[in-house]
PDB file of N, CA and C in Angstrom:
ATOM      1  N   UNK A   1     115.648  76.940 101.371  1.00  0.00           N
ATOM      2  CA  UNK A   1     116.508  77.721 102.205  1.00  0.00           C
ATOM      3  C   UNK A   1     115.998  79.144 102.206  1.00  0.00           C
ATOM      4  N   UNK A   2     115.842  79.732 103.381  1.00  0.00           N
ATOM      5  CA  UNK A   2     115.385  81.114 103.509  1.00  0.00           C
ATOM      6  C   UNK A   2     116.558  81.960 103.994  1.00  0.00           C
ATOM      7  N   UNK A   3     116.901  82.944 103.194  1.00  0.00           N
ATOM      8  CA  UNK A   3     117.982  83.861 103.555  1.00  0.00           C
ATOM      9  C   UNK A   3     117.362  85.035 104.298  1.00  0.00           C
ATOM     10  N   UNK A   4     117.344  84.954 105.628  1.00  0.00           N
ATOM     11  CA  UNK A   4     116.753  86.023 106.433  1.00  0.00           C
ATOM     12  C   UNK A   4     117.684  87.225 106.491  1.00  0.00           C
ATOM     13  N   UNK A   5     117.092  88.383 106.641  1.00  0.00           N
ATOM     14  CA  UNK A   5     117.808  89.654 106.705  1.00  0.00           C
ATOM     15  C   UNK A   5     118.690  89.886 105.476  1.00  0.00           C
ATOM     16  N   UNK A   6     118.271  89.333 104.347  1.00  0.00           N
ATOM     17  CA  UNK A   6     119.042  89.542 103.115  1.00  0.00           C
ATOM     18  C   UNK A   6     118.966  90.990 102.648  1.00  0.00           C
ATOM     19  N   UNK A   7     118.070  91.762 103.228  1.00  0.00           N
ATOM     20  CA  UNK A   7     117.987  93.187 102.914  1.00  0.00           C
ATOM     21  C   UNK A   7     119.273  93.929 103.277  1.00  0.00           C
ATOM     22  N   UNK A   8     120.097  93.334 104.123  1.00  0.00           N
ATOM     23  CA  UNK A   8     121.357  93.971 104.536  1.00  0.00           C
ATOM     24  C   UNK A   8     122.434  93.869 103.456  1.00  0.00           C
ATOM     25  N   UNK A   9     122.210  93.026 102.451  1.00  0.00           N
ATOM     26  CA  UNK A   9     123.166  92.872 101.361  1.00  0.00           C
ATOM     27  C   UNK A   9     122.970  94.037 100.392  1.00  0.00           C
ATOM     28  N   UNK A  10     124.038  94.733 100.067  1.00  0.00           N
ATOM     29  CA  UNK A  10     123.923  95.910  99.206  1.00  0.00           C
ATOM     30  C   UNK A  10     123.927  95.581  97.715  1.00  0.00           C
ATOM     31  N   UNK A  11     124.440  94.429  97.339  1.00  0.00           N
ATOM     32  CA  UNK A  11     124.537  94.048  95.929  1.00  0.00           C
ATOM     33  C   UNK A  11     123.306  93.235  95.525  1.00  0.00           C
ATOM     34  N   UNK A  12     122.387  93.892  94.828  1.00  0.00           N
ATOM     35  CA  UNK A  12     121.143  93.226  94.432  1.00  0.00           C
ATOM     36  C   UNK A  12     121.372  92.033  93.519  1.00  0.00           C
ATOM     37  N   UNK A  13     122.451  92.038  92.751  1.00  0.00           N
ATOM     38  CA  UNK A  13     122.704  90.928  91.832  1.00  0.00           C
ATOM     39  C   UNK A  13     122.909  89.616  92.592  1.00  0.00           C
ATOM     40  N   UNK A  14     123.474  89.692  93.785  1.00  0.00           N
ATOM     41  CA  UNK A  14     123.653  88.488  94.606  1.00  0.00           C
ATOM     42  C   UNK A  14     122.294  87.948  95.033  1.00  0.00           C
ATOM     43  N   UNK A  15     121.401  88.834  95.431  1.00  0.00           N
ATOM     44  CA  UNK A  15     120.062  88.405  95.846  1.00  0.00           C
ATOM     45  C   UNK A  15     119.302  87.779  94.686  1.00  0.00           C
ATOM     46  N   UNK A  16     119.388  88.398  93.528  1.00  0.00           N
ATOM     47  CA  UNK A  16     118.714  87.855  92.347  1.00  0.00           C
ATOM     48  C   UNK A  16     119.279  86.487  91.971  1.00  0.00           C
ATOM     49  N   UNK A  17     120.588  86.348  92.031  1.00  0.00           N
ATOM     50  CA  UNK A  17     121.230  85.072  91.702  1.00  0.00           C
ATOM     51  C   UNK A  17     120.782  83.967  92.657  1.00  0.00           C
ATOM     52  N   UNK A  18     120.721  84.277  93.939  1.00  0.00           N
ATOM     53  CA  UNK A  18     120.285  83.274  94.918  1.00  0.00           C
ATOM     54  C   UNK A  18     118.829  82.895  94.685  1.00  0.00           C
ATOM     55  N   UNK A  19     117.983  83.864  94.366  1.00  0.00           N
ATOM     56  CA  UNK A  19     116.577  83.564  94.077  1.00  0.00           C
ATOM     57  C   UNK A  19     116.466  82.672  92.840  1.00  0.00           C
ATOM     58  N   UNK A  20     117.280  82.936  91.824  1.00  0.00           N
ATOM     59  CA  UNK A  20     117.277  82.103  90.619  1.00  0.00           C
ATOM     60  C   UNK A  20     117.666  80.666  90.947  1.00  0.00           C
ATOM     61  N   UNK A  21     118.510  80.492  91.963  1.00  0.00           N
ATOM     62  CA  UNK A  21     118.945  79.153  92.360  1.00  0.00           C
ATOM     63  C   UNK A  21     117.952  78.476  93.302  1.00  0.00           C
ATOM     64  N   UNK A  22     116.865  79.190  93.669  1.00  0.00           N
ATOM     65  CA  UNK A  22     115.825  78.580  94.482  1.00  0.00           C
ATOM     66  C   UNK A  22     115.713  79.062  95.908  1.00  0.00           C
ATOM     67  N   UNK A  23     116.606  79.937  96.352  1.00  0.00           N
ATOM     68  CA  UNK A  23     116.539  80.439  97.732  1.00  0.00           C
ATOM     69  C   UNK A  23     115.375  81.412  97.886  1.00  0.00           C
ATOM     70  N   UNK A  24     114.806  81.416  99.069  1.00  0.00           N
ATOM     71  CA  UNK A  24     113.849  82.459  99.431  1.00  0.00           C
ATOM     72  C   UNK A  24     114.661  83.645  99.926  1.00  0.00           C
ATOM     73  N   UNK A  25     114.388  84.822  99.382  1.00  0.00           N
ATOM     74  CA  UNK A  25     115.092  86.041  99.765  1.00  0.00           C
ATOM     75  C   UNK A  25     114.151  86.836 100.670  1.00  0.00           C
ATOM     76  N   UNK A  26     114.502  86.897 101.949  1.00  0.00           N
ATOM     77  CA  UNK A  26     113.651  87.575 102.919  1.00  0.00           C
ATOM     78  C   UNK A  26     114.153  88.996 103.148  1.00  0.00           C
ATOM     79  N   UNK A  27     113.384  89.942 102.627  1.00  0.00           N
ATOM     80  CA  UNK A  27     113.705  91.357 102.783  1.00  0.00           C
ATOM     81  C   UNK A  27     113.014  91.845 104.051  1.00  0.00           C
ATOM     82  N   UNK A  28     113.746  91.825 105.136  1.00  0.00           N
ATOM     83  CA  UNK A  28     113.209  92.167 106.440  1.00  0.00           C
ATOM     84  C   UNK A  28     113.488  93.640 106.750  1.00  0.00           C
ATOM     85  N   UNK A  29     112.901  94.126 107.808  1.00  0.00           N
ATOM     86  CA  UNK A  29     113.190  95.481 108.262  1.00  0.00           C
ATOM     87  C   UNK A  29     112.425  96.577 107.546  1.00  0.00           C
ATOM     88  N   UNK A  30     111.295  96.230 106.924  1.00  0.00           N
ATOM     89  CA  UNK A  30     110.500  97.261 106.249  1.00  0.00           C
ATOM     90  C   UNK A  30     109.972  98.238 107.300  1.00  0.00           C
ATOM     91  N   UNK A  31     110.184  99.519 107.055  1.00  0.00           N
ATOM     92  CA  UNK A  31     109.595 100.547 107.911  1.00  0.00           C
ATOM     93  C   UNK A  31     109.213 101.749 107.058  1.00  0.00           C
ATOM     94  N   UNK A  32     108.536 102.703 107.663  1.00  0.00           N
ATOM     95  CA  UNK A  32     108.002 103.837 106.900  1.00  0.00           C
ATOM     96  C   UNK A  32     109.086 104.687 106.233  1.00  0.00           C
ATOM     97  N   UNK A  33     110.299 104.637 106.718  1.00  0.00           N
ATOM     98  CA  UNK A  33     111.347 105.486 106.153  1.00  0.00           C
ATOM     99  C   UNK A  33     112.145 104.823 105.027  1.00  0.00           C
ATOM    100  N   UNK A  34     111.963 103.514 104.795  1.00  0.00           N
ATOM    101  CA  UNK A  34     112.802 102.849 103.794  1.00  0.00           C
ATOM    102  C   UNK A  34     112.021 102.172 102.669  1.00  0.00           C
ATOM    103  N   UNK A  35     110.736 102.457 102.552  1.00  0.00           N
ATOM    104  CA  UNK A  35     109.940 101.746 101.550  1.00  0.00           C
ATOM    105  C   UNK A  35     110.424 101.996 100.123  1.00  0.00           C
ATOM    106  N   UNK A  36     110.993 103.171  99.858  1.00  0.00           N
ATOM    107  CA  UNK A  36     111.508 103.438  98.509  1.00  0.00           C
ATOM    108  C   UNK A  36     112.560 102.430  98.080  1.00  0.00           C
ATOM    109  N   UNK A  37     113.445 102.077  98.982  1.00  0.00           N
ATOM    110  CA  UNK A  37     114.492 101.080  98.670  1.00  0.00           C
ATOM    111  C   UNK A  37     113.879  99.705  98.420  1.00  0.00           C
ATOM    112  N   UNK A  38     112.861  99.366  99.192  1.00  0.00           N
ATOM    113  CA  UNK A  38     112.201  98.077  99.000  1.00  0.00           C
ATOM    114  C   UNK A  38     111.443  98.040  97.679  1.00  0.00           C
ATOM    115  N   UNK A  39     110.826  99.150  97.312  1.00  0.00           N
ATOM    116  CA  UNK A  39     110.141  99.237  96.010  1.00  0.00           C
ATOM    117  C   UNK A  39     111.146  98.995  94.887  1.00  0.00           C
ATOM    118  N   UNK A  40     112.294  99.659  94.955  1.00  0.00           N
ATOM    119  CA  UNK A  40     113.329  99.475  93.929  1.00  0.00           C
ATOM    120  C   UNK A  40     113.738  98.012  93.819  1.00  0.00           C
ATOM    121  N   UNK A  41     113.930  97.377  94.941  1.00  0.00           N
ATOM    122  CA  UNK A  41     114.339  95.962  94.919  1.00  0.00           C
ATOM    123  C   UNK A  41     113.225  95.078  94.374  1.00  0.00           C
ATOM    124  N   UNK A  42     112.015  95.333  94.785  1.00  0.00           N
ATOM    125  CA  UNK A  42     110.899  94.521  94.302  1.00  0.00           C
ATOM    126  C   UNK A  42     110.698  94.706  92.800  1.00  0.00           C
ATOM    127  N   UNK A  43     110.946  95.896  92.292  1.00  0.00           N
ATOM    128  CA  UNK A  43     110.881  96.104  90.844  1.00  0.00           C
ATOM    129  C   UNK A  43     111.926  95.261  90.121  1.00  0.00           C
ATOM    130  N   UNK A  44     113.124  95.146  90.692  1.00  0.00           N
ATOM    131  CA  UNK A  44     114.161  94.296  90.098  1.00  0.00           C
ATOM    132  C   UNK A  44     113.719  92.831  90.079  1.00  0.00           C
ATOM    133  N   UNK A  45     113.183  92.360  91.193  1.00  0.00           N
ATOM    134  CA  UNK A  45     112.711  90.972  91.249  1.00  0.00           C
ATOM    135  C   UNK A  45     111.569  90.755  90.257  1.00  0.00           C
ATOM    136  N   UNK A  46     110.690  91.728  90.146  1.00  0.00           N
ATOM    137  CA  UNK A  46     109.579  91.625  89.199  1.00  0.00           C
ATOM    138  C   UNK A  46     110.093  91.519  87.768  1.00  0.00           C
ATOM    139  N   UNK A  47     111.040  92.387  87.396  1.00  0.00           N
ATOM    140  CA  UNK A  47     111.601  92.373  86.042  1.00  0.00           C
ATOM    141  C   UNK A  47     112.260  91.034  85.722  1.00  0.00           C
ATOM    142  N   UNK A  48     112.814  90.376  86.722  1.00  0.00           N
ATOM    143  CA  UNK A  48     113.476  89.081  86.528  1.00  0.00           C
ATOM    144  C   UNK A  48     112.519  87.898  86.672  1.00  0.00           C
ATOM    145  N   UNK A  49     111.241  88.174  86.928  1.00  0.00           N
ATOM    146  CA  UNK A  49     110.262  87.098  87.115  1.00  0.00           C
ATOM    147  C   UNK A  49     110.497  86.322  88.393  1.00  0.00           C
ATOM    148  N   UNK A  50     110.971  87.004  89.435  1.00  0.00           N
ATOM    149  CA  UNK A  50     111.342  86.330  90.682  1.00  0.00           C
ATOM    150  C   UNK A  50     110.558  86.799  91.905  1.00  0.00           C
ATOM    151  N   UNK A  51     109.411  87.452  91.702  1.00  0.00           N
ATOM    152  CA  UNK A  51     108.607  87.851  92.859  1.00  0.00           C
ATOM    153  C   UNK A  51     108.178  86.635  93.686  1.00  0.00           C
ATOM    154  N   UNK A  52     108.145  85.484  93.029  1.00  0.00           N
ATOM    155  CA  UNK A  52     107.723  84.257  93.720  1.00  0.00           C
ATOM    156  C   UNK A  52     108.794  83.707  94.668  1.00  0.00           C
ATOM    157  N   UNK A  53     109.911  84.397  94.814  1.00  0.00           N
ATOM    158  CA  UNK A  53     110.977  83.960  95.729  1.00  0.00           C
ATOM    159  C   UNK A  53     111.279  84.995  96.820  1.00  0.00           C
ATOM    160  N   UNK A  54     110.390  85.987  96.981  1.00  0.00           N
ATOM    161  CA  UNK A  54     110.622  87.069  97.937  1.00  0.00           C
ATOM    162  C   UNK A  54     109.685  86.953  99.133  1.00  0.00           C
ATOM    163  N   UNK A  55     110.246  87.162 100.316  1.00  0.00           N
ATOM    164  CA  UNK A  55     109.475  87.286 101.541  1.00  0.00           C
ATOM    165  C   UNK A  55     109.711  88.685 102.094  1.00  0.00           C
ATOM    166  N   UNK A  56     108.715  89.241 102.746  1.00  0.00           N
ATOM    167  CA  UNK A  56     108.818  90.579 103.334  1.00  0.00           C
ATOM    168  C   UNK A  56     108.468  90.520 104.812  1.00  0.00           C
ATOM    169  N   UNK A  57     109.123  91.359 105.599  1.00  0.00           N
ATOM    170  CA  UNK A  57     108.746  91.444 107.013  1.00  0.00           C
ATOM    171  C   UNK A  57     109.191  92.769 107.606  1.00  0.00           C
ATOM    172  N   UNK A  58     108.594  93.079 108.746  1.00  0.00           N
ATOM    173  CA  UNK A  58     108.994  94.241 109.534  1.00  0.00           C
ATOM    174  C   UNK A  58     110.138  93.879 110.471  1.00  0.00           C
ATOM    175  N   UNK A  59     110.477  92.624 110.567  1.00  0.00           N
ATOM    176  CA  UNK A  59     111.474  92.136 111.520  1.00  0.00           C
ATOM    177  C   UNK A  59     112.711  93.023 111.527  1.00  0.00           C
ATOM    178  N   UNK A  60     113.182  93.298 112.714  1.00  0.00           N
ATOM    179  CA  UNK A  60     114.369  94.124 112.852  1.00  0.00           C
ATOM    180  C   UNK A  60     114.039  95.569 113.171  1.00  0.00           C
ATOM    181  N   UNK A  61     112.773  95.922 113.161  1.00  0.00           N
ATOM    182  CA  UNK A  61     112.366  97.303 113.388  1.00  0.00           C
ATOM    183  C   UNK A  61     111.822  97.561 114.772  1.00  0.00           C
ATOM    184  N   UNK A  62     111.399  96.549 115.461  1.00  0.00           N
ATOM    185  CA  UNK A  62     110.565  96.734 116.633  1.00  0.00           C
ATOM    186  C   UNK A  62     111.212  97.285 117.871  1.00  0.00           C
ATOM    187  N   UNK A  63     112.460  96.966 118.107  1.00  0.00           N
ATOM    188  CA  UNK A  63     113.061  97.296 119.389  1.00  0.00           C
ATOM    189  C   UNK A  63     114.395  98.008 119.214  1.00  0.00           C
ATOM    190  N   UNK A  64     114.355  99.276 118.768  1.00  0.00           N
ATOM    191  CA  UNK A  64     115.611 100.012 118.622  1.00  0.00           C
ATOM    192  C   UNK A  64     116.251 100.255 119.987  1.00  0.00           C
ATOM    193  N   UNK A  65     117.559 100.197 120.039  1.00  0.00           N
ATOM    194  CA  UNK A  65     118.287 100.367 121.303  1.00  0.00           C
ATOM    195  C   UNK A  65     117.939 101.697 121.957  1.00  0.00           C
ATOM    196  N   UNK A  66     117.282 101.628 123.093  1.00  0.00           N
ATOM    197  CA  UNK A  66     116.966 102.813 123.862  1.00  0.00           C
ATOM    198  C   UNK A  66     115.824 103.650 123.328  1.00  0.00           C
ATOM    199  N   UNK A  67     115.253 103.277 122.217  1.00  0.00           N
ATOM    200  CA  UNK A  67     114.175 104.079 121.631  1.00  0.00           C
ATOM    201  C   UNK A  67     112.813 103.454 121.844  1.00  0.00           C
ATOM    202  N   UNK A  68     111.790 104.150 121.425  1.00  0.00           N
ATOM    203  CA  UNK A  68     110.433 103.608 121.569  1.00  0.00           C
ATOM    204  C   UNK A  68     110.208 102.445 120.604  1.00  0.00           C
ATOM    205  N   UNK A  69     109.343 101.551 120.993  1.00  0.00           N
ATOM    206  CA  UNK A  69     108.988 100.425 120.125  1.00  0.00           C
ATOM    207  C   UNK A  69     108.252 100.976 118.908  1.00  0.00           C
ATOM    208  N   UNK A  70     108.675 100.550 117.732  1.00  0.00           N
ATOM    209  CA  UNK A  70     108.060 101.022 116.500  1.00  0.00           C
ATOM    210  C   UNK A  70     106.838 100.187 116.148  1.00  0.00           C
ATOM    211  N   UNK A  71     105.963 100.783 115.382  1.00  0.00           N
ATOM    212  CA  UNK A  71     104.769 100.078 114.906  1.00  0.00           C
ATOM    213  C   UNK A  71     105.150  99.099 113.801  1.00  0.00           C
ATOM    214  N   UNK A  72     104.378  98.042 113.700  1.00  0.00           N
ATOM    215  CA  UNK A  72     104.557  97.046 112.649  1.00  0.00           C
ATOM    216  C   UNK A  72     103.423  97.207 111.639  1.00  0.00           C
ATOM    217  N   UNK A  73     103.439  98.300 110.899  1.00  0.00           N
ATOM    218  CA  UNK A  73     102.367  98.587 109.956  1.00  0.00           C
ATOM    219  C   UNK A  73     102.861  99.095 108.606  1.00  0.00           C
ATOM    220  N   UNK A  74     104.138  99.262 108.453  1.00  0.00           N
ATOM    221  CA  UNK A  74     104.670  99.901 107.241  1.00  0.00           C
ATOM    222  C   UNK A  74     104.359  99.125 105.967  1.00  0.00           C
ATOM    223  N   UNK A  75     104.308  97.813 106.030  1.00  0.00           N
ATOM    224  CA  UNK A  75     103.989  97.041 104.821  1.00  0.00           C
ATOM    225  C   UNK A  75     102.575  97.385 104.359  1.00  0.00           C
ATOM    226  N   UNK A  76     101.639  97.397 105.286  1.00  0.00           N
ATOM    227  CA  UNK A  76     100.249  97.689 104.916  1.00  0.00           C
ATOM    228  C   UNK A  76     100.000  99.166 104.633  1.00  0.00           C
ATOM    229  N   UNK A  77     100.568 100.035 105.439  1.00  0.00           N
ATOM    230  CA  UNK A  77     100.271 101.465 105.343  1.00  0.00           C
ATOM    231  C   UNK A  77     101.117 102.167 104.279  1.00  0.00           C
ATOM    232  N   UNK A  78     102.366 101.775 104.123  1.00  0.00           N
ATOM    233  CA  UNK A  78     103.276 102.476 103.212  1.00  0.00           C
ATOM    234  C   UNK A  78     103.615 101.681 101.963  1.00  0.00           C
ATOM    235  N   UNK A  79     104.087 100.444 102.154  1.00  0.00           N
ATOM    236  CA  UNK A  79     104.616  99.673 101.031  1.00  0.00           C
ATOM    237  C   UNK A  79     103.541  99.298 100.012  1.00  0.00           C
ATOM    238  N   UNK A  80     102.443  98.734 100.459  1.00  0.00           N
ATOM    239  CA  UNK A  80     101.414  98.288  99.508  1.00  0.00           C
ATOM    240  C   UNK A  80     100.866  99.441  98.671  1.00  0.00           C
ATOM    241  N   UNK A  81     100.498 100.583  99.273  1.00  0.00           N
ATOM    242  CA  UNK A  81     100.025 101.689  98.426  1.00  0.00           C
ATOM    243  C   UNK A  81     101.068 102.145  97.402  1.00  0.00           C
ATOM    244  N   UNK A  82     102.341 102.159  97.789  1.00  0.00           N
ATOM    245  CA  UNK A  82     103.394 102.549  96.847  1.00  0.00           C
ATOM    246  C   UNK A  82     103.571 101.512  95.741  1.00  0.00           C
ATOM    247  N   UNK A  83     103.455 100.227  96.097  1.00  0.00           N
ATOM    248  CA  UNK A  83     103.529  99.178  95.075  1.00  0.00           C
ATOM    249  C   UNK A  83     102.411  99.355  94.053  1.00  0.00           C
ATOM    250  N   UNK A  84     101.209  99.641  94.515  1.00  0.00           N
ATOM    251  CA  UNK A  84     100.083  99.853  93.606  1.00  0.00           C
ATOM    252  C   UNK A  84     100.338 101.057  92.703  1.00  0.00           C
ATOM    253  N   UNK A  85     100.914 102.113  93.244  1.00  0.00           N
ATOM    254  CA  UNK A  85     101.234 103.300  92.439  1.00  0.00           C
ATOM    255  C   UNK A  85     102.303 102.997  91.389  1.00  0.00           C
ATOM    256  N   UNK A  86     103.171 102.046  91.680  1.00  0.00           N
ATOM    257  CA  UNK A  86     104.244 101.672  90.748  1.00  0.00           C
ATOM    258  C   UNK A  86     103.800 100.606  89.748  1.00  0.00           C
ATOM    259  N   UNK A  87     102.511 100.251  89.767  1.00  0.00           N
ATOM    260  CA  UNK A  87     101.992  99.329  88.770  1.00  0.00           C
ATOM    261  C   UNK A  87     101.936  97.875  89.175  1.00  0.00           C
ATOM    262  N   UNK A  88     102.211  97.565  90.430  1.00  0.00           N
ATOM    263  CA  UNK A  88     102.066  96.182  90.878  1.00  0.00           C
ATOM    264  C   UNK A  88     100.585  95.838  90.916  1.00  0.00           C
ATOM    265  N   UNK A  89     100.259  94.633  90.501  1.00  0.00           N
ATOM    266  CA  UNK A  89      98.869  94.190  90.513  1.00  0.00           C
ATOM    267  C   UNK A  89      98.503  93.619  91.879  1.00  0.00           C
ATOM    268  N   UNK A  90      97.215  93.482  92.109  1.00  0.00           N
ATOM    269  CA  UNK A  90      96.770  92.856  93.359  1.00  0.00           C
ATOM    270  C   UNK A  90      97.249  91.410  93.431  1.00  0.00           C
ATOM    271  N   UNK A  91      97.337  90.733  92.284  1.00  0.00           N
ATOM    272  CA  UNK A  91      97.857  89.357  92.265  1.00  0.00           C
ATOM    273  C   UNK A  91      99.328  89.311  92.672  1.00  0.00           C
ATOM    274  N   UNK A  92     100.105  90.278  92.221  1.00  0.00           N
ATOM    275  CA  UNK A  92     101.525  90.324  92.595  1.00  0.00           C
ATOM    276  C   UNK A  92     101.693  90.621  94.086  1.00  0.00           C
ATOM    277  N   UNK A  93     100.863  91.498  94.607  1.00  0.00           N
ATOM    278  CA  UNK A  93     100.914  91.800  96.036  1.00  0.00           C
ATOM    279  C   UNK A  93     100.478  90.586  96.840  1.00  0.00           C
ATOM    280  N   UNK A  94      99.465  89.884  96.374  1.00  0.00           N
ATOM    281  CA  UNK A  94      99.044  88.643  97.030  1.00  0.00           C
ATOM    282  C   UNK A  94     100.157  87.603  96.973  1.00  0.00           C
ATOM    283  N   UNK A  95     100.877  87.555  95.859  1.00  0.00           N
ATOM    284  CA  UNK A  95     102.018  86.640  95.738  1.00  0.00           C
ATOM    285  C   UNK A  95     103.017  86.900  96.859  1.00  0.00           C
ATOM    286  N   UNK A  96     103.340  88.176  97.074  1.00  0.00           N
ATOM    287  CA  UNK A  96     104.326  88.557  98.083  1.00  0.00           C
ATOM    288  C   UNK A  96     103.847  88.310  99.510  1.00  0.00           C
ATOM    289  N   UNK A  97     102.587  88.598  99.791  1.00  0.00           N
ATOM    290  CA  UNK A  97     102.111  88.617 101.174  1.00  0.00           C
ATOM    291  C   UNK A  97     101.333  87.383 101.608  1.00  0.00           C
ATOM    292  N   UNK A  98     100.841  86.602 100.646  1.00  0.00           N
ATOM    293  CA  UNK A  98     100.032  85.426 101.000  1.00  0.00           C
ATOM    294  C   UNK A  98     100.660  84.141 100.459  1.00  0.00           C
ATOM    295  N   UNK A  99     100.865  84.105  99.156  1.00  0.00           N
ATOM    296  CA  UNK A  99     101.337  82.878  98.501  1.00  0.00           C
ATOM    297  C   UNK A  99     102.757  82.525  98.931  1.00  0.00           C
ATOM    298  N   UNK A 100     103.669  83.482  98.830  1.00  0.00           N
ATOM    299  CA  UNK A 100     105.071  83.187  99.152  1.00  0.00           C
ATOM    300  C   UNK A 100     105.264  82.690 100.584  1.00  0.00           C
ATOM    301  N   UNK A 101     104.711  83.374 101.603  1.00  0.00           N
ATOM    302  CA  UNK A 101     104.903  82.846 102.962  1.00  0.00           C
ATOM    303  C   UNK A 101     104.322  81.443 103.137  1.00  0.00           C
ATOM    304  N   UNK A 102     103.163  81.196 102.524  1.00  0.00           N
ATOM    305  CA  UNK A 102     102.583  79.856 102.683  1.00  0.00           C
ATOM    306  C   UNK A 102     103.442  78.803 102.001  1.00  0.00           C
ATOM    307  N   UNK A 103     104.039  79.137 100.870  1.00  0.00           N
ATOM    308  CA  UNK A 103     104.940  78.205 100.177  1.00  0.00           C
ATOM    309  C   UNK A 103     106.247  78.019 100.952  1.00  0.00           C
ATOM    310  N   UNK A 104     106.813  79.105 101.406  1.00  0.00           N
ATOM    311  CA  UNK A 104     108.124  79.044 102.071  1.00  0.00           C
ATOM    312  C   UNK A 104     108.080  78.252 103.374  1.00  0.00           C
ATOM    313  N   UNK A 105     106.984  78.360 104.087  1.00  0.00           N
ATOM    314  CA  UNK A 105     106.917  77.731 105.404  1.00  0.00           C
ATOM    315  C   UNK A 105     106.094  76.447 105.416  1.00  0.00           C
ATOM    316  N   UNK A 106     105.740  75.953 104.238  1.00  0.00           N
ATOM    317  CA  UNK A 106     104.993  74.708 104.133  1.00  0.00           C
ATOM    318  C   UNK A 106     105.919  73.519 104.405  1.00  0.00           C
ATOM    319  N   UNK A 107     105.454  72.578 105.166  1.00  0.00           N
ATOM    320  CA  UNK A 107     106.200  71.357 105.392  1.00  0.00           C
ATOM    321  C   UNK A 107     105.992  70.439 104.196  1.00  0.00           C
ATOM    322  N   UNK A 108     107.082  69.974 103.643  1.00  0.00           N
ATOM    323  CA  UNK A 108     106.999  69.106 102.468  1.00  0.00           C
ATOM    324  C   UNK A 108     107.776  67.826 102.739  1.00  0.00           C
ATOM    325  N   UNK A 109     107.302  66.742 102.163  1.00  0.00           N
ATOM    326  CA  UNK A 109     108.010  65.477 102.264  1.00  0.00           C
ATOM    327  C   UNK A 109     108.814  65.313 100.968  1.00  0.00           C
ATOM    328  N   UNK A 110     110.097  65.078 101.162  1.00  0.00           N
ATOM    329  CA  UNK A 110     110.981  64.884 100.022  1.00  0.00           C
ATOM    330  C   UNK A 110     111.206  63.400  99.806  1.00  0.00           C
ATOM    331  N   UNK A 111     110.894  62.927  98.635  1.00  0.00           N
ATOM    332  CA  UNK A 111     111.098  61.528  98.293  1.00  0.00           C
ATOM    333  C   UNK A 111     112.402  61.418  97.499  1.00  0.00           C
ATOM    334  N   UNK A 112     113.337  60.657  98.003  1.00  0.00           N
ATOM    335  CA  UNK A 112     114.616  60.532  97.296  1.00  0.00           C
ATOM    336  C   UNK A 112     114.773  59.168  96.725  1.00  0.00           C
TER     337      UNK A 112
END
């Protein structure tokens, strides 16, 4: 189960609890002005050993009502450099950006 737009939930303990139960927590809406909040949340998931249950996206940023279309580059330009400064390893960043999406969206056959 993927909880999209879970970034809108203000209580991080709920997100951590759902990840512990196996849900994918999709922190959408990353943009250049909010990366600090995403770093804080990712640090919480890291401390709990739950980076393997997080998805990230720019979704929700592209088409503000009446405003110009925003760029979809904040994860690469802002978030990743800040994660590296906060001590995230390249393996942890790969977990978030490569491994997790491939796991979350993989088709699996369930044998019951």
